[in-house]
Amino acid sequence: FYWNRFDFAIVMVSFVGIAIELFTSNSTIEVGPALIDGIRMLRMLRLLRAFRIFRGAKSLRQLVVTLLKSLPVVGNLLTLLLTAYFVTGILCVDLFGSMCVEEQVEGRRVELSLAAGRLDRCLLVQERDHLHRHAAFSNFGFALVTLFRVQTLDLWQVVVNHLRLDIPWLPRDPSA
């Protein structure tokens, strides 16, 4: 009986929304956009009608309950993954933060710096090997994005090739 009332309310809200849209499109009376957006939002409640399936399908209900029970484990795995990203991001900023980024080389004079006893790698890599500014480890945010890019295998070989020095005895061709 509850679902019948719910269905009736959803259908009536839909009819009211359609009537208001037709009324405002054919007349000079303007209704505020907030009212129309609110009615459209109420029409999205029609999606809740799909939950009626759970009443009759016991196996589907068990599946949803099992998925809900597994959420704490998924949360623990997500926490572990985020911790690994955090630690790896900090390490990458420390190790690769001084890498050349395209805009740094083009816009400013590149100077030799002995930051923390290391040479600036801008001077040690060839110009074609400068990192794109969105695939760099210059700050923690870019480091997380670049790590996600490497993990999802989105042109990860380009990032890895840019992070190594141009050593003559190492082949640059991935097929070698």
N, C-alpha and C. Protein backbone atom coordinates (compact mmCIF):
# COMPACT_ATOMS: atom_id res chain seq x y z
N PHE A 1 0.82 -1.20 0.00
CA PHE A 1 0.00 0.00 0.00
C PHE A 1 0.86 1.26 0.00
N TYR A 2 2.00 1.20 0.71
CA TYR A 2 2.92 2.34 0.78
C TYR A 2 3.45 2.68 -0.62
N TRP A 3 3.81 1.63 -1.38
CA TRP A 3 4.40 1.87 -2.70
C TRP A 3 3.39 2.50 -3.66
N ASN A 4 2.10 2.18 -3.49
CA ASN A 4 1.09 2.79 -4.34
C ASN A 4 1.01 4.30 -4.12
N ARG A 5 1.08 4.72 -2.85
CA ARG A 5 1.07 6.15 -2.55
C ARG A 5 2.32 6.83 -3.09
N PHE A 6 3.44 6.17 -2.92
CA PHE A 6 4.70 6.72 -3.42
C PHE A 6 4.65 6.89 -4.93
N ASP A 7 4.19 5.86 -5.65
CA ASP A 7 4.06 5.95 -7.11
C ASP A 7 3.11 7.08 -7.51
N PHE A 8 2.00 7.21 -6.79
CA PHE A 8 1.05 8.26 -7.09
C PHE A 8 1.70 9.64 -6.92
N ALA A 9 2.44 9.83 -5.84
CA ALA A 9 3.09 11.13 -5.60
C ALA A 9 4.12 11.44 -6.68
N ILE A 10 4.88 10.45 -7.09
CA ILE A 10 5.89 10.66 -8.13
C ILE A 10 5.23 11.03 -9.46
N VAL A 11 4.17 10.34 -9.81
CA VAL A 11 3.47 10.62 -11.07
C VAL A 11 2.85 12.01 -11.03
N MET A 12 2.28 12.39 -9.90
CA MET A 12 1.66 13.72 -9.79
C MET A 12 2.72 14.82 -9.89
N VAL A 13 3.86 14.63 -9.26
CA VAL A 13 4.94 15.63 -9.37
C VAL A 13 5.39 15.74 -10.82
N SER A 14 5.46 14.63 -11.52
CA SER A 14 5.84 14.66 -12.93
C SER A 14 4.81 15.42 -13.75
N PHE A 15 3.52 15.17 -13.50
CA PHE A 15 2.48 15.88 -14.23
C PHE A 15 2.53 17.38 -13.94
N VAL A 16 2.73 17.75 -12.69
CA VAL A 16 2.81 19.17 -12.34
C VAL A 16 4.00 19.82 -13.04
N GLY A 17 5.12 19.13 -13.06
CA GLY A 17 6.30 19.67 -13.74
C GLY A 17 6.08 19.86 -15.22
N ILE A 18 5.46 18.87 -15.86
CA ILE A 18 5.17 18.98 -17.29
C ILE A 18 4.17 20.11 -17.55
N ALA A 19 3.15 20.22 -16.69
CA ALA A 19 2.15 21.28 -16.86
C ALA A 19 2.78 22.66 -16.71
N ILE A 20 3.66 22.83 -15.74
CA ILE A 20 4.31 24.13 -15.55
C ILE A 20 5.20 24.47 -16.74
N GLU A 21 5.93 23.48 -17.25
CA GLU A 21 6.79 23.74 -18.41
C GLU A 21 5.96 24.11 -19.64
N LEU A 22 4.84 23.41 -19.86
CA LEU A 22 3.97 23.75 -20.99
C LEU A 22 3.33 25.12 -20.81
N PHE A 23 2.90 25.42 -19.59
CA PHE A 23 2.23 26.69 -19.30
C PHE A 23 3.20 27.86 -19.49
N THR A 24 4.42 27.71 -19.03
CA THR A 24 5.38 28.81 -19.14
C THR A 24 5.92 28.97 -20.55
N SER A 25 5.93 27.90 -21.34
CA SER A 25 6.44 28.02 -22.71
C SER A 25 5.43 28.66 -23.65
N ASN A 26 4.13 28.56 -23.33
CA ASN A 26 3.09 29.10 -24.21
C ASN A 26 2.54 30.44 -23.75
N SER A 27 3.01 30.97 -22.63
CA SER A 27 2.46 32.23 -22.14
C SER A 27 3.58 33.20 -21.82
N THR A 28 3.17 34.42 -21.50
CA THR A 28 4.15 35.45 -21.16
C THR A 28 4.47 35.46 -19.68
N ILE A 29 3.76 34.67 -18.90
CA ILE A 29 4.02 34.60 -17.46
C ILE A 29 5.30 33.80 -17.25
N GLU A 30 6.17 34.37 -16.45
CA GLU A 30 7.43 33.69 -16.20
C GLU A 30 7.43 33.10 -14.80
N VAL A 31 7.86 31.88 -14.73
CA VAL A 31 8.02 31.20 -13.44
C VAL A 31 9.51 31.17 -13.17
N GLY A 32 9.87 31.37 -11.92
CA GLY A 32 11.28 31.40 -11.56
C GLY A 32 12.01 30.11 -11.91
N PRO A 33 13.25 30.22 -12.32
CA PRO A 33 14.01 29.02 -12.67
C PRO A 33 14.24 28.11 -11.47
N ALA A 34 14.21 28.68 -10.28
CA ALA A 34 14.40 27.85 -9.08
C ALA A 34 13.24 26.88 -8.91
N LEU A 35 12.02 27.34 -9.21
CA LEU A 35 10.85 26.46 -9.10
C LEU A 35 10.92 25.33 -10.12
N ILE A 36 11.30 25.67 -11.35
CA ILE A 36 11.40 24.64 -12.39
C ILE A 36 12.51 23.64 -12.04
N ASP A 37 13.64 24.14 -11.56
CA ASP A 37 14.72 23.23 -11.16
C ASP A 37 14.31 22.35 -9.99
N GLY A 38 13.53 22.92 -9.06
CA GLY A 38 13.06 22.12 -7.93
C GLY A 38 12.13 21.00 -8.37
N ILE A 39 11.27 21.30 -9.31
CA ILE A 39 10.35 20.26 -9.81
C ILE A 39 11.13 19.20 -10.58
N ARG A 40 12.14 19.61 -11.33
CA ARG A 40 12.97 18.63 -12.02
C ARG A 40 13.69 17.73 -11.02
N MET A 41 14.13 18.32 -9.92
CA MET A 41 14.80 17.51 -8.90
C MET A 41 13.82 16.51 -8.28
N LEU A 42 12.58 16.95 -8.07
CA LEU A 42 11.58 16.03 -7.53
C LEU A 42 11.28 14.90 -8.51
N ARG A 43 11.36 15.21 -9.81
CA ARG A 43 11.13 14.16 -10.80
C ARG A 43 12.21 13.09 -10.75
N MET A 44 13.38 13.46 -10.26
CA MET A 44 14.44 12.46 -10.15
C MET A 44 14.11 11.40 -9.11
N LEU A 45 13.13 11.68 -8.27
CA LEU A 45 12.70 10.67 -7.29
C LEU A 45 12.09 9.45 -7.97
N ARG A 46 11.79 9.57 -9.25
CA ARG A 46 11.26 8.41 -9.98
C ARG A 46 12.24 7.25 -9.96
N LEU A 47 13.51 7.57 -9.81
CA LEU A 47 14.51 6.51 -9.74
C LEU A 47 14.31 5.62 -8.51
N LEU A 48 13.71 6.19 -7.47
CA LEU A 48 13.49 5.41 -6.26
C LEU A 48 12.46 4.31 -6.47
N ARG A 49 11.71 4.38 -7.53
CA ARG A 49 10.73 3.32 -7.80
C ARG A 49 11.43 1.99 -8.07
N ALA A 50 12.68 2.05 -8.48
CA ALA A 50 13.42 0.81 -8.74
C ALA A 50 13.64 0.00 -7.47
N PHE A 51 13.57 0.65 -6.31
CA PHE A 51 13.77 -0.08 -5.06
C PHE A 51 12.62 -1.03 -4.74
N ARG A 52 11.54 -0.93 -5.49
CA ARG A 52 10.44 -1.88 -5.30
C ARG A 52 10.86 -3.30 -5.64
N ILE A 53 11.90 -3.43 -6.44
CA ILE A 53 12.39 -4.76 -6.83
C ILE A 53 12.85 -5.54 -5.60
N PHE A 54 13.41 -4.82 -4.63
CA PHE A 54 13.97 -5.50 -3.45
C PHE A 54 12.90 -6.20 -2.62
N ARG A 55 11.67 -5.75 -2.73
CA ARG A 55 10.61 -6.36 -1.94
C ARG A 55 10.36 -7.79 -2.37
N GLY A 56 10.42 -8.05 -3.66
CA GLY A 56 10.10 -9.38 -4.15
C GLY A 56 11.29 -10.28 -4.39
N ALA A 57 12.44 -9.72 -4.65
CA ALA A 57 13.61 -10.52 -4.99
C ALA A 57 14.49 -10.70 -3.76
N LYS A 58 14.36 -11.86 -3.13
CA LYS A 58 15.11 -12.12 -1.90
C LYS A 58 16.61 -12.23 -2.19
N SER A 59 16.98 -12.86 -3.29
CA SER A 59 18.41 -13.02 -3.59
C SER A 59 19.06 -11.66 -3.89
N LEU A 60 18.32 -10.76 -4.53
CA LEU A 60 18.85 -9.43 -4.81
C LEU A 60 19.03 -8.65 -3.51
N ARG A 61 18.09 -8.82 -2.59
CA ARG A 61 18.20 -8.17 -1.28
C ARG A 61 19.42 -8.69 -0.53
N GLN A 62 19.67 -10.00 -0.60
CA GLN A 62 20.85 -10.58 0.06
C GLN A 62 22.13 -10.04 -0.56
N LEU A 63 22.14 -9.86 -1.86
CA LEU A 63 23.31 -9.31 -2.53
C LEU A 63 23.61 -7.89 -2.06
N VAL A 64 22.58 -7.07 -1.93
CA VAL A 64 22.77 -5.69 -1.48
C VAL A 64 23.24 -5.68 -0.03
N VAL A 65 22.68 -6.54 0.81
CA VAL A 65 23.11 -6.61 2.21
C VAL A 65 24.57 -7.03 2.30
N THR A 66 24.97 -7.98 1.47
CA THR A 66 26.37 -8.42 1.46
C THR A 66 27.29 -7.30 1.02
N LEU A 67 26.88 -6.56 0.01
CA LEU A 67 27.69 -5.42 -0.43
C LEU A 67 27.81 -4.37 0.66
N LEU A 68 26.74 -4.11 1.39
CA LEU A 68 26.79 -3.14 2.47
C LEU A 68 27.68 -3.62 3.61
N LYS A 69 27.68 -4.93 3.87
CA LYS A 69 28.54 -5.47 4.92
C LYS A 69 30.02 -5.40 4.53
N SER A 70 30.31 -5.39 3.24
CA SER A 70 31.71 -5.35 2.80
C SER A 70 32.27 -3.93 2.76
N LEU A 71 31.47 -2.92 2.98
CA LEU A 71 31.95 -1.54 2.92
C LEU A 71 33.07 -1.24 3.92
N PRO A 72 33.05 -1.74 5.16
CA PRO A 72 34.18 -1.46 6.05
C PRO A 72 35.51 -2.02 5.53
N VAL A 73 35.48 -3.19 4.91
CA VAL A 73 36.71 -3.77 4.36
C VAL A 73 37.20 -2.92 3.19
N VAL A 74 36.28 -2.47 2.35
CA VAL A 74 36.66 -1.61 1.23
C VAL A 74 37.24 -0.29 1.76
N GLY A 75 36.67 0.21 2.84
CA GLY A 75 37.21 1.43 3.47
C GLY A 75 38.62 1.22 3.99
N ASN A 76 38.87 0.06 4.58
CA ASN A 76 40.23 -0.23 5.05
C ASN A 76 41.21 -0.31 3.90
N LEU A 77 40.81 -0.94 2.80
CA LEU A 77 41.68 -1.02 1.63
C LEU A 77 41.94 0.36 1.04
N LEU A 78 40.92 1.19 1.01
CA LEU A 78 41.08 2.54 0.50
C LEU A 78 42.03 3.35 1.39
N THR A 79 41.93 3.17 2.70
CA THR A 79 42.84 3.85 3.62
C THR A 79 44.28 3.40 3.39
N LEU A 80 44.47 2.10 3.20
CA LEU A 80 45.81 1.58 2.93
C LEU A 80 46.36 2.14 1.62
N LEU A 81 45.53 2.19 0.59
CA LEU A 81 45.96 2.73 -0.70
C LEU A 81 46.30 4.21 -0.59
N LEU A 82 45.48 4.98 0.10
CA LEU A 82 45.76 6.41 0.26
C LEU A 82 47.02 6.65 1.07
N THR A 83 47.27 5.81 2.07
CA THR A 83 48.51 5.93 2.84
C THR A 83 49.72 5.65 1.95
N ALA A 84 49.63 4.63 1.12
CA ALA A 84 50.73 4.32 0.20
C ALA A 84 50.94 5.47 -0.78
N TYR A 85 49.85 6.05 -1.30
CA TYR A 85 49.96 7.20 -2.19
C TYR A 85 50.62 8.37 -1.47
N PHE A 86 50.23 8.62 -0.24
CA PHE A 86 50.76 9.74 0.53
C PHE A 86 52.26 9.60 0.72
N VAL A 87 52.70 8.43 1.18
CA VAL A 87 54.12 8.20 1.43
C VAL A 87 54.91 8.27 0.12
N THR A 88 54.40 7.62 -0.92
CA THR A 88 55.09 7.63 -2.21
C THR A 88 55.11 9.03 -2.81
N GLY A 89 54.06 9.79 -2.63
CA GLY A 89 54.03 11.17 -3.12
C GLY A 89 55.07 12.03 -2.45
N ILE A 90 55.23 11.88 -1.14
CA ILE A 90 56.25 12.64 -0.42
C ILE A 90 57.64 12.25 -0.91
N LEU A 91 57.87 10.96 -1.07
CA LEU A 91 59.18 10.51 -1.57
C LEU A 91 59.46 11.03 -2.97
N CYS A 92 58.46 11.01 -3.83
CA CYS A 92 58.66 11.48 -5.21
C CYS A 92 58.92 12.98 -5.26
N VAL A 93 58.24 13.75 -4.41
CA VAL A 93 58.51 15.19 -4.37
C VAL A 93 59.94 15.43 -3.91
N ASP A 94 60.40 14.65 -2.93
CA ASP A 94 61.76 14.82 -2.44
C ASP A 94 62.79 14.39 -3.48
N LEU A 95 62.55 13.26 -4.14
CA LEU A 95 63.54 12.73 -5.08
C LEU A 95 63.49 13.40 -6.45
N PHE A 96 62.29 13.66 -6.95
CA PHE A 96 62.14 14.16 -8.31
C PHE A 96 61.59 15.58 -8.39
N GLY A 97 61.50 16.26 -7.27
CA GLY A 97 60.94 17.61 -7.26
C GLY A 97 61.77 18.63 -8.02
N SER A 98 63.06 18.34 -8.20
CA SER A 98 63.93 19.30 -8.90
C SER A 98 64.06 18.99 -10.38
N MET A 99 63.18 18.13 -10.89
CA MET A 99 63.24 17.81 -12.32
C MET A 99 62.80 19.00 -13.15
N CYS A 100 63.27 19.03 -14.37
CA CYS A 100 62.92 20.12 -15.29
C CYS A 100 61.47 19.98 -15.73
N VAL A 101 60.79 21.08 -15.68
CA VAL A 101 59.44 21.16 -16.22
C VAL A 101 59.52 22.09 -17.43
N GLU A 102 58.73 21.82 -18.45
CA GLU A 102 58.82 22.57 -19.71
C GLU A 102 58.77 24.07 -19.51
N GLU A 103 57.83 24.57 -18.72
CA GLU A 103 57.67 26.01 -18.56
C GLU A 103 58.84 26.63 -17.80
N GLN A 104 59.45 25.89 -16.89
CA GLN A 104 60.60 26.42 -16.15
C GLN A 104 61.75 26.70 -17.10
N VAL A 105 61.97 25.81 -18.04
CA VAL A 105 63.11 25.96 -18.94
C VAL A 105 62.84 27.07 -19.95
N GLU A 106 61.61 27.14 -20.48
CA GLU A 106 61.31 28.11 -21.51
C GLU A 106 61.19 29.52 -20.94
N GLY A 107 60.63 29.65 -19.75
CA GLY A 107 60.34 30.97 -19.22
C GLY A 107 61.45 31.61 -18.42
N ARG A 108 62.31 30.85 -17.77
CA ARG A 108 63.32 31.41 -16.88
C ARG A 108 64.71 30.90 -17.23
N ARG A 109 65.66 31.61 -16.73
CA ARG A 109 67.05 31.18 -16.91
C ARG A 109 67.32 30.02 -15.96
N VAL A 110 67.86 28.95 -16.48
CA VAL A 110 68.13 27.76 -15.67
C VAL A 110 69.50 27.93 -15.04
N GLU A 111 69.54 27.82 -13.73
CA GLU A 111 70.81 27.98 -13.02
C GLU A 111 71.18 26.67 -12.35
N LEU A 112 72.46 26.51 -12.15
CA LEU A 112 72.96 25.35 -11.44
C LEU A 112 72.71 25.57 -9.96
N SER A 113 72.03 24.64 -9.34
CA SER A 113 71.77 24.79 -7.91
C SER A 113 72.24 23.55 -7.19
N LEU A 114 72.74 23.76 -6.03
CA LEU A 114 73.16 22.65 -5.19
C LEU A 114 72.18 22.52 -4.03
N ALA A 115 70.95 22.26 -4.35
CA ALA A 115 69.92 22.13 -3.33
C ALA A 115 70.08 20.79 -2.64
N ALA A 116 70.35 20.83 -1.37
CA ALA A 116 70.53 19.63 -0.54
C ALA A 116 71.62 18.73 -1.11
N GLY A 117 72.66 19.35 -1.67
CA GLY A 117 73.78 18.56 -2.16
C GLY A 117 73.55 17.91 -3.52
N ARG A 118 72.45 18.22 -4.19
CA ARG A 118 72.16 17.61 -5.49
C ARG A 118 72.26 18.67 -6.58
N LEU A 119 72.70 18.25 -7.73
CA LEU A 119 72.66 19.14 -8.89
C LEU A 119 71.22 19.22 -9.39
N ASP A 120 70.86 20.37 -9.91
CA ASP A 120 69.54 20.49 -10.52
C ASP A 120 69.53 19.64 -11.78
N ARG A 121 68.56 18.76 -11.88
CA ARG A 121 68.55 17.82 -12.99
C ARG A 121 68.20 18.51 -14.30
N CYS A 122 67.78 19.75 -14.25
CA CYS A 122 67.51 20.49 -15.48
C CYS A 122 68.75 20.53 -16.36
N LEU A 123 69.89 20.61 -15.76
CA LEU A 123 71.12 20.72 -16.52
C LEU A 123 71.60 19.37 -17.02
N LEU A 124 71.08 18.30 -16.47
CA LEU A 124 71.58 16.98 -16.80
C LEU A 124 70.72 16.23 -17.81
N VAL A 125 69.52 16.72 -18.05
CA VAL A 125 68.65 16.03 -19.01
C VAL A 125 68.61 16.81 -20.31
N GLN A 126 68.35 16.11 -21.37
CA GLN A 126 68.26 16.79 -22.66
C GLN A 126 66.93 17.54 -22.75
N GLU A 127 66.89 18.50 -23.65
CA GLU A 127 65.72 19.36 -23.73
C GLU A 127 64.45 18.58 -24.10
N ARG A 128 64.59 17.53 -24.88
CA ARG A 128 63.41 16.75 -25.27
C ARG A 128 62.86 15.93 -24.11
N ASP A 129 63.63 15.83 -23.03
CA ASP A 129 63.22 14.99 -21.90
C ASP A 129 62.64 15.79 -20.74
N HIS A 130 62.27 17.04 -20.96
CA HIS A 130 61.68 17.81 -19.88
C HIS A 130 60.27 17.31 -19.61
N LEU A 131 59.91 17.29 -18.34
CA LEU A 131 58.58 16.82 -17.95
C LEU A 131 57.51 17.84 -18.32
N HIS A 132 56.35 17.35 -18.65
CA HIS A 132 55.20 18.23 -18.83
C HIS A 132 54.78 18.72 -17.45
N ARG A 133 54.26 19.93 -17.37
CA ARG A 133 53.97 20.48 -16.04
C ARG A 133 52.88 19.72 -15.30
N HIS A 134 52.04 18.97 -16.02
CA HIS A 134 51.01 18.18 -15.35
C HIS A 134 51.50 16.79 -14.99
N ALA A 135 52.69 16.44 -15.39
CA ALA A 135 53.24 15.12 -15.08
C ALA A 135 54.56 15.31 -14.34
N ALA A 136 54.56 16.19 -13.38
CA ALA A 136 55.78 16.50 -12.65
C ALA A 136 55.57 16.22 -11.17
N PHE A 137 56.65 16.28 -10.44
CA PHE A 137 56.61 16.07 -9.00
C PHE A 137 57.01 17.35 -8.27
N SER A 138 56.67 18.50 -8.84
CA SER A 138 57.09 19.77 -8.26
C SER A 138 56.37 20.08 -6.95
N ASN A 139 55.16 19.59 -6.77
CA ASN A 139 54.47 19.74 -5.49
C ASN A 139 53.67 18.47 -5.21
N PHE A 140 53.09 18.41 -4.04
CA PHE A 140 52.43 17.19 -3.60
C PHE A 140 51.20 16.86 -4.46
N GLY A 141 50.45 17.86 -4.87
CA GLY A 141 49.26 17.61 -5.69
C GLY A 141 49.61 17.02 -7.04
N PHE A 142 50.60 17.62 -7.72
CA PHE A 142 51.03 17.07 -9.00
C PHE A 142 51.63 15.68 -8.83
N ALA A 143 52.29 15.46 -7.69
CA ALA A 143 52.87 14.13 -7.45
C ALA A 143 51.77 13.08 -7.35
N LEU A 144 50.67 13.40 -6.67
CA LEU A 144 49.58 12.43 -6.56
C LEU A 144 48.94 12.16 -7.92
N VAL A 145 48.77 13.21 -8.72
CA VAL A 145 48.19 13.03 -10.05
C VAL A 145 49.10 12.18 -10.92
N THR A 146 50.40 12.45 -10.85
CA THR A 146 51.35 11.69 -11.67
C THR A 146 51.43 10.24 -11.21
N LEU A 147 51.38 10.01 -9.90
CA LEU A 147 51.37 8.64 -9.40
C LEU A 147 50.12 7.89 -9.86
N PHE A 148 48.98 8.56 -9.85
CA PHE A 148 47.76 7.93 -10.34
C PHE A 148 47.88 7.62 -11.83
N ARG A 149 48.50 8.53 -12.56
CA ARG A 149 48.72 8.30 -13.99
C ARG A 149 49.60 7.08 -14.22
N VAL A 150 50.65 6.94 -13.43
CA VAL A 150 51.54 5.79 -13.57
C VAL A 150 50.81 4.51 -13.16
N GLN A 151 50.01 4.56 -12.10
CA GLN A 151 49.31 3.36 -11.64
C GLN A 151 48.28 2.89 -12.65
N THR A 152 47.63 3.81 -13.33
CA THR A 152 46.62 3.42 -14.31
C THR A 152 47.22 3.15 -15.68
N LEU A 153 48.54 3.20 -15.78
CA LEU A 153 49.29 2.90 -17.00
C LEU A 153 48.95 3.86 -18.14
N ASP A 154 48.65 5.10 -17.79
CA ASP A 154 48.37 6.12 -18.79
C ASP A 154 49.67 6.81 -19.17
N LEU A 155 50.31 6.32 -20.22
CA LEU A 155 51.60 6.83 -20.70
C LEU A 155 52.66 6.81 -19.59
N TRP A 156 52.65 5.77 -18.79
CA TRP A 156 53.60 5.67 -17.69
C TRP A 156 55.03 5.58 -18.19
N GLN A 157 55.25 4.99 -19.36
CA GLN A 157 56.61 4.85 -19.87
C GLN A 157 57.21 6.21 -20.20
N VAL A 158 56.38 7.18 -20.57
CA VAL A 158 56.89 8.53 -20.84
C VAL A 158 57.39 9.16 -19.55
N VAL A 159 56.62 9.01 -18.47
CA VAL A 159 57.02 9.57 -17.18
C VAL A 159 58.31 8.92 -16.70
N VAL A 160 58.39 7.60 -16.80
CA VAL A 160 59.57 6.88 -16.33
C VAL A 160 60.79 7.26 -17.16
N ASN A 161 60.64 7.38 -18.47
CA ASN A 161 61.78 7.78 -19.31
C ASN A 161 62.25 9.19 -19.00
N HIS A 162 61.34 10.08 -18.63
CA HIS A 162 61.74 11.44 -18.30
C HIS A 162 62.44 11.53 -16.95
N LEU A 163 62.20 10.58 -16.07
CA LEU A 163 62.78 10.65 -14.74
C LEU A 163 64.20 10.11 -14.66
N ARG A 164 64.67 9.48 -15.68
CA ARG A 164 66.03 8.96 -15.62
C ARG A 164 66.96 9.88 -16.40
N LEU A 165 68.22 9.85 -16.00
CA LEU A 165 69.23 10.66 -16.68
C LEU A 165 69.58 10.04 -18.01
N ASP A 166 70.13 10.85 -18.89
CA ASP A 166 70.54 10.37 -20.20
C ASP A 166 71.92 9.72 -20.08
N ILE A 167 71.92 8.44 -19.77
CA ILE A 167 73.16 7.69 -19.62
C ILE A 167 73.39 6.95 -20.93
N PRO A 168 74.55 7.12 -21.56
CA PRO A 168 74.76 6.60 -22.91
C PRO A 168 74.60 5.08 -23.03
N TRP A 169 74.95 4.32 -22.03
CA TRP A 169 74.90 2.87 -22.18
C TRP A 169 73.51 2.29 -21.91
N LEU A 170 72.57 3.11 -21.46
CA LEU A 170 71.20 2.64 -21.29
C LEU A 170 70.40 2.96 -22.55
N PRO A 171 69.77 1.95 -23.15
CA PRO A 171 68.98 2.24 -24.36
C PRO A 171 67.73 3.03 -24.02
N ARG A 172 67.39 4.02 -24.81
CA ARG A 172 66.20 4.83 -24.59
C ARG A 172 64.98 4.24 -25.29
N ASP A 173 65.22 3.35 -26.22
CA ASP A 173 64.13 2.72 -26.95
C ASP A 173 63.52 1.64 -26.08
N PRO A 174 62.21 1.69 -25.78
CA PRO A 174 61.59 0.67 -24.92
C PRO A 174 61.67 -0.73 -25.50
N SER A 175 61.81 -0.86 -26.82
CA SER A 175 61.86 -2.20 -27.42
C SER A 175 63.25 -2.81 -27.32
N ALA A 176 64.25 -2.02 -26.94
CA ALA A 176 65.63 -2.54 -26.89
C ALA A 176 65.85 -3.38 -25.65
